[in-house]
Every structure is written in C-alpha cells, then in structure tokens.
Protein backbone atom coordinates (compact mmCIF):
# COMPACT_ATOMS: atom_id res chain seq x y z
CA UNK A 1 7.93 5.51 5.59
CA UNK A 2 5.69 4.74 7.33
CA UNK A 3 6.30 1.04 6.70
CA UNK A 4 3.79 -1.76 7.11
CA UNK A 5 5.18 -5.16 8.12
CA UNK A 6 2.94 -8.23 7.99
CA UNK A 7 3.58 -11.83 8.96
CA UNK A 8 1.88 -14.05 6.39
CA UNK A 9 1.29 -17.74 7.06
CA UNK A 10 -0.16 -19.14 3.84
CA UNK A 11 -1.77 -22.49 4.53
CA UNK A 12 -3.51 -22.17 1.15
CA UNK A 13 -3.18 -20.20 -2.09
CA UNK A 14 -3.88 -16.54 -1.30
CA UNK A 15 -5.61 -13.97 -3.50
CA UNK A 16 -4.08 -12.70 -6.72
CA UNK A 17 -3.35 -8.99 -6.37
CA UNK A 18 -2.00 -6.07 -8.33
CA UNK A 19 -1.40 -2.62 -6.90
CA UNK A 20 -1.38 0.53 -9.05
CA UNK A 21 1.87 1.24 -10.87
CA UNK A 22 3.73 4.42 -9.91
CA UNK A 23 2.69 5.99 -13.23
CA UNK A 24 -1.02 5.30 -12.67
CA UNK A 25 -0.95 6.12 -8.95
CA UNK A 26 0.80 9.45 -9.53
CA UNK A 27 -1.63 10.41 -12.29
CA UNK A 28 -4.85 9.34 -10.52
CA UNK A 29 -4.06 9.26 -6.79
CA UNK A 30 -1.22 11.82 -6.70
CA UNK A 31 1.05 9.43 -4.81
CA UNK A 32 3.41 6.57 -5.61
CA UNK A 33 2.13 3.03 -6.14
CA UNK A 34 2.60 0.25 -3.59
CA UNK A 35 5.86 -1.66 -3.93
CA UNK A 36 6.43 -4.68 -1.68
CA UNK A 37 9.31 -6.84 -0.50
CA UNK A 38 8.76 -10.37 0.83
CA UNK A 39 11.23 -12.24 3.03
CA UNK A 40 10.65 -16.01 3.28
CA UNK A 41 10.99 -17.27 6.87
CA UNK A 42 9.96 -20.87 6.25
CA UNK A 43 8.66 -22.89 3.31
CA UNK A 44 7.33 -26.38 2.81
CA UNK A 45 8.45 -28.47 -0.16
CA UNK A 46 6.76 -27.10 -3.28
CA UNK A 47 5.83 -23.73 -1.74
CA UNK A 48 6.13 -20.68 -3.92
CA UNK A 49 4.86 -17.35 -5.05
CA UNK A 50 3.36 -16.06 -8.26
CA UNK A 51 5.05 -13.04 -9.78
CA UNK A 52 3.97 -11.64 -13.13
CA UNK A 53 2.63 -13.59 -16.08
CA UNK A 54 4.39 -16.66 -17.52
CA UNK A 55 3.82 -15.46 -21.09
CA UNK A 56 2.41 -12.56 -23.11
CA UNK A 57 -1.28 -12.12 -22.47
CA UNK A 58 -4.02 -9.70 -23.42
CA UNK A 59 -6.35 -7.71 -21.19
CA UNK A 60 -9.23 -9.73 -22.64
CA UNK A 61 -7.59 -13.04 -21.65
CA UNK A 62 -6.87 -11.77 -18.12
CA UNK A 63 -10.51 -10.70 -17.68
CA UNK A 64 -11.74 -14.06 -18.99
CA UNK A 65 -9.42 -16.06 -16.74
CA UNK A 66 -10.38 -14.01 -13.70
CA UNK A 67 -14.05 -14.70 -14.50
CA UNK A 68 -13.59 -18.45 -15.02
CA UNK A 69 -11.10 -19.00 -12.19
CA UNK A 70 -8.14 -20.02 -14.35
CA UNK A 71 -5.90 -16.96 -13.78
CA UNK A 72 -3.35 -19.09 -11.89
CA UNK A 73 -2.53 -20.95 -15.14
CA UNK A 74 -0.91 -17.87 -16.71
CA UNK A 75 0.95 -16.63 -13.62
CA UNK A 76 4.70 -17.16 -13.26
CA UNK A 77 5.29 -19.60 -10.35
CA UNK A 78 8.56 -19.27 -8.41
CA UNK A 79 9.52 -21.94 -5.84
CA UNK A 80 10.66 -20.30 -2.56
CA UNK A 81 13.08 -21.32 0.19
CA UNK A 82 13.81 -19.91 3.67
CA UNK A 83 16.11 -16.87 3.64
CA UNK A 84 15.13 -15.65 0.17
CA UNK A 85 13.67 -12.23 -0.50
CA UNK A 86 11.58 -10.99 -3.41
CA UNK A 87 10.99 -7.47 -4.70
CA UNK A 88 7.48 -6.88 -6.09
CA UNK A 89 7.36 -3.59 -8.01
CA UNK A 90 4.09 -1.67 -8.02
CA UNK A 91 1.94 -2.62 -11.00
CA UNK A 92 3.05 -6.29 -10.91
CA UNK A 93 0.46 -9.06 -10.55
CA UNK A 94 1.38 -11.31 -7.61
CA UNK A 95 0.13 -13.94 -5.15
CA UNK A 96 1.47 -16.15 -2.41
CA UNK A 97 1.06 -19.89 -2.91
CA UNK A 98 0.37 -22.41 -0.15
CA UNK A 99 2.98 -23.59 2.33
CA UNK A 100 5.15 -20.63 3.24
CA UNK A 101 5.58 -18.18 6.06
CA UNK A 102 6.97 -14.80 5.19
CA UNK A 103 7.31 -11.18 6.21
CA UNK A 104 5.85 -8.60 3.83
CA UNK A 105 7.21 -5.08 3.88
CA UNK A 106 5.39 -2.23 2.15
CA UNK A 107 4.81 1.48 2.42
CA UNK A 108 1.49 2.49 3.96
CA UNK A 109 -0.68 4.40 1.47
CA UNK A 110 -3.63 6.48 2.72
CA UNK A 111 -5.86 5.78 -0.30
CA UNK A 112 -4.62 2.31 -1.15
CA UNK A 113 -6.27 0.45 -4.03
CA UNK A 114 -5.67 -3.24 -4.70
CA UNK A 115 -7.39 -5.35 -7.30
CA UNK A 116 -7.68 -8.89 -5.98
CA UNK A 117 -9.28 -12.11 -7.08
CA UNK A 118 -10.32 -15.11 -5.04
CA UNK A 119 -12.36 -17.98 -6.41
CA UNK A 120 -12.15 -16.43 -9.89
CA UNK A 121 -14.01 -13.21 -9.07
CA UNK A 122 -12.20 -9.89 -9.43
CA UNK A 123 -12.96 -7.46 -6.66
CA UNK A 124 -11.59 -4.07 -5.68
CA UNK A 125 -10.35 -3.53 -2.14
CA UNK A 126 -9.77 0.08 -1.17
CA UNK A 127 -10.03 2.49 1.70
CA UNK A 128 -11.46 5.11 -0.65
CA UNK A 129 -14.55 4.98 -2.87
CA UNK A 130 -13.36 3.06 -5.93
CA UNK A 131 -16.64 2.26 -7.67
CA UNK A 132 -15.96 4.87 -10.33
CA UNK A 133 -12.34 3.78 -10.89
CA UNK A 134 -11.50 1.80 -14.01
CA UNK A 135 -9.81 -1.59 -13.77
CA UNK A 136 -6.48 -0.14 -14.95
CA UNK A 137 -4.69 -3.50 -14.93
CA UNK A 138 -6.68 -4.77 -17.91
C-alpha cells in the first residue's frame, strides 16, 4: 500500500513496458520494483496480453527490435477472457493488446521508472530525472 487501480480500455495495442526488477530497484532506487496484477473485465475475440519473451533473446536483439518496431514479434502473446487475472512480476516485459477492458492493480512508487516503447522507439517515463540511468533491461 498505497495501491493504484486503473481501468484500462485498450482499443489498440498499448505500449510495451518493463518496470525495474526488485533486485535492480532495491540496489538503485532503494525500494521494491513495481509488480502488477491485471483482472480482465471484458475481452473481444482475439484480445490478449503480451507477457515476457516467446524465446531466448539477447539484449542486442531487443535493442534492434525496439529501434525497428518489430519488438512485438518476440513477445509471448496470451489470449485473454473475462474473469481471468494475470500476475506481472517486476522486471517482466509486458503490454496489453487491443480489444480488452481490464483493471490494473499496482503499488504506487514515488520514484517510478518505466521503460516503454511505442512505434518502435524506446523512451523512459519517470517522475524522477532518469537521463543518467542506464537501460537496465538490455
């Protein structure tokens, strides 16, 4: 606690994100990473989420795919249905695909860092100055 609850209506594929793992967050930010839980309220046929990679990959390949917009090809797609819930441990790459409505539960972090990508460009979203932080995911 405190807990952040968001209603997410994904009409289209949302950004790919990864939040610092507990190990990294404790070492660098002196707090735990951001773990999430998603509860699916409604889902169209073919809706799903992306959780982790669908095969072994290297940091170099991840960087290249982020740059060229093909990161979705190596993410593990999971079809979703109403009533299901998903645990997303900190440090896990994830995204919400098109066509679902869900509740997202997470702990509020004062100096939250999230690495996200939309349209193939990796960007850092944070409430603290992150320009000097390394891209720890890769």
